[in-house]
Amino acid sequence: MKNMLSEQETAMPAMAQGSLCTRVIAVTSGKGGVGKTNVVANLAVGLARAGKQVLVLDADLGLGNIDVLLGLVPRYTLEDVLCGSRSLSDIIIPGPAGIQVLPAGSGLPQLTALTDTQQLTLQTELEQVVDNVEVLLIDTGAGISPNVTYFAAAAQETIVVISPEPTSLTDAYALMKVLCRQHRERRFKVLVNMVKSQRDATQTFRKLDVAAERFLNISLDYLGFIPLDDYLPMAVIEQKAVTERFPASPSSRAFVELAKKVAEWPDPQLPKSTVQFLWQQLVPMN
């Protein structure tokens, strides 16, 4: 692996140099409806307010909606990039608090499973736009489709969002099982969303943690919880991040604490240290 890294850095030093300090975080879930995209949007805003340069990649290809959630109207999307008519720099749109967003578009079944060529295109394009990005947040789709596992396995850190619903736990377990067995991923951070209390959050996490440790032989890191309050759906209706629209709400304060925690994570270690290297672990180079 060290030899592989040396060859790649020698072949493309500029690309590796530009993205060396970019932390890549995938936010994923086993099922839809657990508030994953809301987590991404508010975490991005919180990180930006903490002084980070943040780029959000909507990787829920075919059903992307982070632009809708934030009230953004993109002219172009990842569909245009993957078909070769636009570059990523053409489709970036500014979001709240100075974040940048790469919109995915919606109703595009042809993007639900990227080809090797499309994966290589996306990897190459990302190298061109991450020079000044400190955090690349990837909002994956839900479930265990190839696109979901592809983006989750490529990231340095994977945050799995769960809710107290039993189906959320079983599907999150299934996702981690696939990532563990097919991609040898053994590190996951878990965020409990839409819970009434810290006690409920702890109990929810514990159920998943016990199963993961017993049957997958992996340990999960508890990242905290986001309380369910009436301001969250109000912010969604207004197409605003709750941290922007209702900064004093309980959920907003929880997102701010989450962002502070993520901003303080130590720098990632090799081999997952550059965007270019991350994707080349998953995509064969010809």
Foldseek 3Di string as FASTA:
>chain_A
DVVVVVVVCVVCVVLCVLFQQEAEEEEAFLDPDLCRLLLLVLLQLLLLVVPFAEEEEALQAQAWCNCVLQVHDWPDAVVCQLVPNDAQVNGWDAGPSGYIYHTRDHRDVVSQADDLSSLVSVLVRVSVPCRRGNYYYYYHYHRAGPSRLLSQLLGLAYEYEAEQDPVRLVSRLVNVQCCCVVVVDQEYEYEYEAAADQVSRVVSVVVSQVCCCVPVVHGYHYLYYAYDDPQCVVSSVVSNNSCVVPVPDRRNVVSSVSSVVVSPDDQGDPPSRGSNSSSCVPRPDD
